[in-house]
Amino acid sequence: MTKYREILRLTSLGFTQRNIMQSCGVAQKTVVKVQKRARELDIS
């Protein structure tokens, strides 16, 4: 199961996509999609 909140939390803390990928165990494409969708919905 994708950890959307964790991806957003790590993004807000300034982690790199690579660090987020390793921490959450997801692909870079997943991180990019979550970050892009969060920007579209103005979620921080």
N, C-alpha and C. Protein backbone atom coordinates (compact mmCIF):
# COMPACT_ATOMS: atom_id res chain seq x y z
N MET A 1 0.85 -1.18 0.00
CA MET A 1 0.00 0.00 0.00
C MET A 1 0.89 1.24 0.00
N THR A 2 0.57 2.18 -0.85
CA THR A 2 1.36 3.40 -0.96
C THR A 2 1.12 4.29 0.25
N LYS A 3 2.21 4.84 0.78
CA LYS A 3 2.14 5.70 1.96
C LYS A 3 2.12 7.17 1.51
N TYR A 4 0.95 7.60 1.07
CA TYR A 4 0.81 8.95 0.53
C TYR A 4 1.18 10.02 1.55
N ARG A 5 0.68 9.88 2.75
CA ARG A 5 0.97 10.88 3.80
C ARG A 5 2.46 10.95 4.09
N GLU A 6 3.10 9.79 4.13
CA GLU A 6 4.53 9.75 4.42
C GLU A 6 5.32 10.42 3.31
N ILE A 7 4.93 10.20 2.07
CA ILE A 7 5.59 10.85 0.93
C ILE A 7 5.46 12.36 1.05
N LEU A 8 4.27 12.83 1.36
CA LEU A 8 4.04 14.27 1.50
C LEU A 8 4.79 14.85 2.70
N ARG A 9 4.84 14.09 3.78
CA ARG A 9 5.55 14.55 4.98
C ARG A 9 7.04 14.70 4.69
N LEU A 10 7.63 13.70 4.06
CA LEU A 10 9.06 13.75 3.75
C LEU A 10 9.36 14.84 2.73
N THR A 11 8.44 15.05 1.80
CA THR A 11 8.60 16.13 0.82
C THR A 11 8.64 17.48 1.53
N SER A 12 7.74 17.68 2.48
CA SER A 12 7.68 18.95 3.21
C SER A 12 8.93 19.18 4.06
N LEU A 13 9.58 18.09 4.45
CA LEU A 13 10.81 18.21 5.24
C LEU A 13 12.05 18.42 4.38
N GLY A 14 11.86 18.40 3.05
CA GLY A 14 12.96 18.68 2.15
C GLY A 14 13.77 17.47 1.71
N PHE A 15 13.23 16.28 1.92
CA PHE A 15 13.93 15.07 1.49
C PHE A 15 13.95 15.00 -0.04
N THR A 16 14.98 14.38 -0.60
CA THR A 16 15.06 14.20 -2.04
C THR A 16 14.13 13.07 -2.46
N GLN A 17 13.81 13.03 -3.74
CA GLN A 17 12.96 11.96 -4.25
C GLN A 17 13.62 10.60 -4.01
N ARG A 18 14.91 10.53 -4.17
CA ARG A 18 15.62 9.27 -3.97
C ARG A 18 15.50 8.80 -2.52
N ASN A 19 15.65 9.74 -1.58
CA ASN A 19 15.51 9.37 -0.16
C ASN A 19 14.09 8.92 0.16
N ILE A 20 13.11 9.59 -0.43
CA ILE A 20 11.71 9.23 -0.21
C ILE A 20 11.44 7.84 -0.78
N MET A 21 11.97 7.57 -1.96
CA MET A 21 11.80 6.27 -2.58
C MET A 21 12.32 5.16 -1.67
N GLN A 22 13.51 5.36 -1.14
CA GLN A 22 14.12 4.34 -0.29
C GLN A 22 13.37 4.19 1.02
N SER A 23 12.95 5.29 1.60
CA SER A 23 12.26 5.25 2.89
C SER A 23 10.89 4.58 2.79
N CYS A 24 10.15 4.89 1.72
CA CYS A 24 8.79 4.38 1.58
C CYS A 24 8.73 3.08 0.77
N GLY A 25 9.80 2.75 0.10
CA GLY A 25 9.82 1.52 -0.70
C GLY A 25 8.93 1.60 -1.93
N VAL A 26 8.94 2.77 -2.58
CA VAL A 26 8.13 2.96 -3.78
C VAL A 26 9.03 3.39 -4.93
N ALA A 27 8.48 3.37 -6.14
CA ALA A 27 9.22 3.79 -7.32
C ALA A 27 9.23 5.31 -7.42
N GLN A 28 10.20 5.83 -8.17
CA GLN A 28 10.30 7.28 -8.34
C GLN A 28 9.04 7.83 -9.01
N LYS A 29 8.49 7.07 -9.94
CA LYS A 29 7.28 7.50 -10.63
C LYS A 29 6.14 7.74 -9.64
N THR A 30 6.06 6.90 -8.63
CA THR A 30 5.01 7.05 -7.60
C THR A 30 5.22 8.35 -6.82
N VAL A 31 6.46 8.62 -6.43
CA VAL A 31 6.77 9.84 -5.68
C VAL A 31 6.42 11.06 -6.52
N VAL A 32 6.81 11.06 -7.78
CA VAL A 32 6.54 12.18 -8.67
C VAL A 32 5.04 12.40 -8.83
N LYS A 33 4.28 11.30 -9.01
CA LYS A 33 2.83 11.42 -9.19
C LYS A 33 2.15 11.98 -7.94
N VAL A 34 2.57 11.51 -6.77
CA VAL A 34 1.98 11.99 -5.52
C VAL A 34 2.29 13.47 -5.32
N GLN A 35 3.54 13.87 -5.56
CA GLN A 35 3.93 15.27 -5.39
C GLN A 35 3.19 16.16 -6.39
N LYS A 36 3.06 15.70 -7.63
CA LYS A 36 2.37 16.50 -8.64
C LYS A 36 0.89 16.68 -8.28
N ARG A 37 0.25 15.60 -7.85
CA ARG A 37 -1.17 15.67 -7.49
C ARG A 37 -1.39 16.57 -6.27
N ALA A 38 -0.46 16.49 -5.33
CA ALA A 38 -0.56 17.34 -4.14
C ALA A 38 -0.45 18.82 -4.51
N ARG A 39 0.44 19.13 -5.46
CA ARG A 39 0.55 20.53 -5.93
C ARG A 39 -0.74 20.97 -6.62
N GLU A 40 -1.33 20.09 -7.42
CA GLU A 40 -2.57 20.43 -8.12
C GLU A 40 -3.70 20.72 -7.13
N LEU A 41 -3.74 19.98 -6.03
CA LEU A 41 -4.80 20.15 -5.04
C LEU A 41 -4.43 21.14 -3.94
N ASP A 42 -3.24 21.72 -4.05
CA ASP A 42 -2.73 22.68 -3.08
C ASP A 42 -2.67 22.07 -1.67
N ILE A 43 -2.14 20.84 -1.62
CA ILE A 43 -1.95 20.14 -0.35
C ILE A 43 -0.49 20.23 0.03
N SER A 44 -0.23 20.57 1.26
CA SER A 44 1.17 20.64 1.71
C SER A 44 1.42 19.63 2.80
